[in-house]
């Protein structure tokens, strides 16, 4: 089951140029967006809307899944430190 991925280009504004390609590569993994045994993808607890986190080195990519439409919406890309400040420890 392959999902279509949506990422707004503005999410990459604060990402250093040398990290953009590795983050884009990690985002491509979201064609299968559900958590698996490797631990890089995780469902966050305590959120109103089901939200997931993908680890990409020292960055965290936050996304939501529309199962009916087979779509993934990336809505935040942050360093681990920024993610912990904004969303708490995950």
C-alpha atoms as a PDB file:
ATOM      1  CA  UNK A   1       0.000   0.000   0.000  1.00  0.00           C
ATOM      2  CA  UNK A   2       1.638   3.216  -1.191  1.00  0.00           C
ATOM      3  CA  UNK A   3       0.656   6.612   0.142  1.00  0.00           C
ATOM      4  CA  UNK A   4       1.045   9.987  -1.567  1.00  0.00           C
ATOM      5  CA  UNK A   5       3.157  12.426   0.477  1.00  0.00           C
ATOM      6  CA  UNK A   6       2.444  16.146   0.836  1.00  0.00           C
ATOM      7  CA  UNK A   7       5.131  18.490   2.187  1.00  0.00           C
ATOM      8  CA  UNK A   8       4.921  22.277   2.020  1.00  0.00           C
ATOM      9  CA  UNK A   9       8.230  23.700   0.707  1.00  0.00           C
ATOM     10  CA  UNK A  10       8.301  26.295   3.499  1.00  0.00           C
ATOM     11  CA  UNK A  11       9.078  23.504   5.988  1.00  0.00           C
ATOM     12  CA  UNK A  12      12.607  23.338   4.558  1.00  0.00           C
ATOM     13  CA  UNK A  13      13.424  27.039   5.067  1.00  0.00           C
ATOM     14  CA  UNK A  14      15.216  26.541   8.391  1.00  0.00           C
ATOM     15  CA  UNK A  15      16.838  23.225   7.449  1.00  0.00           C
ATOM     16  CA  UNK A  16      20.550  23.608   6.616  1.00  0.00           C
ATOM     17  CA  UNK A  17      21.362  22.882   2.964  1.00  0.00           C
ATOM     18  CA  UNK A  18      23.640  19.975   3.880  1.00  0.00           C
ATOM     19  CA  UNK A  19      20.730  18.209   5.668  1.00  0.00           C
ATOM     20  CA  UNK A  20      17.919  18.768   3.144  1.00  0.00           C
ATOM     21  CA  UNK A  21      18.697  15.755   0.957  1.00  0.00           C
ATOM     22  CA  UNK A  22      18.866  13.307   3.873  1.00  0.00           C
ATOM     23  CA  UNK A  23      15.574  14.645   5.237  1.00  0.00           C
ATOM     24  CA  UNK A  24      13.917  14.414   1.811  1.00  0.00           C
ATOM     25  CA  UNK A  25      15.171  10.839   1.561  1.00  0.00           C
ATOM     26  CA  UNK A  26      13.658  10.020   4.969  1.00  0.00           C
ATOM     27  CA  UNK A  27      10.348  11.604   3.947  1.00  0.00           C
ATOM     28  CA  UNK A  28      10.220   9.325   0.889  1.00  0.00           C
ATOM     29  CA  UNK A  29      10.017   6.398   3.342  1.00  0.00           C
ATOM     30  CA  UNK A  30       6.566   7.666   4.293  1.00  0.00           C
ATOM     31  CA  UNK A  31       5.026   5.993   1.246  1.00  0.00           C
ATOM     32  CA  UNK A  32       4.557   3.311   3.930  1.00  0.00           C
ATOM     33  CA  UNK A  33       3.826   5.680   6.842  1.00  0.00           C
ATOM     34  CA  UNK A  34       2.939   3.305   9.653  1.00  0.00           C
ATOM     35  CA  UNK A  35       5.389   2.508  12.464  1.00  0.00           C
ATOM     36  CA  UNK A  36       7.404  -0.656  12.002  1.00  0.00           C
ATOM     37  CA  UNK A  37       9.979  -2.613  13.968  1.00  0.00           C
ATOM     38  CA  UNK A  38      12.980  -0.338  13.240  1.00  0.00           C
ATOM     39  CA  UNK A  39      11.692   2.349  15.620  1.00  0.00           C
ATOM     40  CA  UNK A  40      12.226   5.395  13.384  1.00  0.00           C
ATOM     41  CA  UNK A  41       8.460   5.940  13.075  1.00  0.00           C
ATOM     42  CA  UNK A  42       6.340   6.354  16.174  1.00  0.00           C
ATOM     43  CA  UNK A  43       2.747   7.284  16.987  1.00  0.00           C
ATOM     44  CA  UNK A  44       2.651  10.151  19.477  1.00  0.00           C
ATOM     45  CA  UNK A  45       0.531   9.756  22.584  1.00  0.00           C
ATOM     46  CA  UNK A  46      -1.684  12.475  24.011  1.00  0.00           C
ATOM     47  CA  UNK A  47      -2.513  14.257  20.748  1.00  0.00           C
ATOM     48  CA  UNK A  48      -6.065  15.123  19.705  1.00  0.00           C
ATOM     49  CA  UNK A  49      -5.426  14.087  16.114  1.00  0.00           C
ATOM     50  CA  UNK A  50      -3.407  10.921  15.515  1.00  0.00           C
ATOM     51  CA  UNK A  51       0.107  12.182  14.820  1.00  0.00           C
ATOM     52  CA  UNK A  52       3.336  10.391  14.008  1.00  0.00           C
ATOM     53  CA  UNK A  53       7.014  11.219  14.303  1.00  0.00           C
ATOM     54  CA  UNK A  54       9.819  10.073  12.004  1.00  0.00           C
ATOM     55  CA  UNK A  55      13.441  10.293  13.159  1.00  0.00           C
ATOM     56  CA  UNK A  56      15.921  11.455  10.530  1.00  0.00           C
ATOM     57  CA  UNK A  57      19.287  11.820  12.240  1.00  0.00           C
ATOM     58  CA  UNK A  58      19.052  14.766  14.614  1.00  0.00           C
ATOM     59  CA  UNK A  59      15.802  15.946  12.990  1.00  0.00           C
ATOM     60  CA  UNK A  60      12.210  14.946  13.696  1.00  0.00           C
ATOM     61  CA  UNK A  61       9.544  14.930  11.006  1.00  0.00           C
ATOM     62  CA  UNK A  62       5.917  15.146  12.160  1.00  0.00           C
ATOM     63  CA  UNK A  63       3.086  13.881  10.001  1.00  0.00           C
ATOM     64  CA  UNK A  64      -0.521  12.741   9.890  1.00  0.00           C
ATOM     65  CA  UNK A  65      -2.096  10.007   7.796  1.00  0.00           C
ATOM     66  CA  UNK A  66      -5.359  10.037   5.842  1.00  0.00           C
ATOM     67  CA  UNK A  67      -5.990   6.316   5.405  1.00  0.00           C
ATOM     68  CA  UNK A  68      -9.090   6.742   3.224  1.00  0.00           C
ATOM     69  CA  UNK A  69      -7.301   8.939   0.683  1.00  0.00           C
ATOM     70  CA  UNK A  70      -3.943   7.141   1.103  1.00  0.00           C
ATOM     71  CA  UNK A  71      -2.195  10.455   1.830  1.00  0.00           C
ATOM     72  CA  UNK A  72       0.480  11.575   4.287  1.00  0.00           C
ATOM     73  CA  UNK A  73       0.735  15.210   5.379  1.00  0.00           C
ATOM     74  CA  UNK A  74       4.092  16.355   6.755  1.00  0.00           C
ATOM     75  CA  UNK A  75       3.414  19.412   8.906  1.00  0.00           C
ATOM     76  CA  UNK A  76       6.632  20.031  10.865  1.00  0.00           C
ATOM     77  CA  UNK A  77      10.381  19.421  10.505  1.00  0.00           C
ATOM     78  CA  UNK A  78      12.418  20.280  13.609  1.00  0.00           C
ATOM     79  CA  UNK A  79      15.706  19.458  15.271  1.00  0.00           C
ATOM     80  CA  UNK A  80      15.342  17.025  18.158  1.00  0.00           C
ATOM     81  CA  UNK A  81      15.916  19.886  20.601  1.00  0.00           C
ATOM     82  CA  UNK A  82      13.241  22.059  18.964  1.00  0.00           C
ATOM     83  CA  UNK A  83      10.832  19.112  18.864  1.00  0.00           C
ATOM     84  CA  UNK A  84      11.268  18.438  22.578  1.00  0.00           C
ATOM     85  CA  UNK A  85      10.588  22.087  23.385  1.00  0.00           C
ATOM     86  CA  UNK A  86       7.499  22.249  21.165  1.00  0.00           C
ATOM     87  CA  UNK A  87       5.972  18.797  21.729  1.00  0.00           C
ATOM     88  CA  UNK A  88       7.661  17.545  24.903  1.00  0.00           C
ATOM     89  CA  UNK A  89       9.671  14.345  25.235  1.00  0.00           C
ATOM     90  CA  UNK A  90       8.466  11.717  22.777  1.00  0.00           C
END
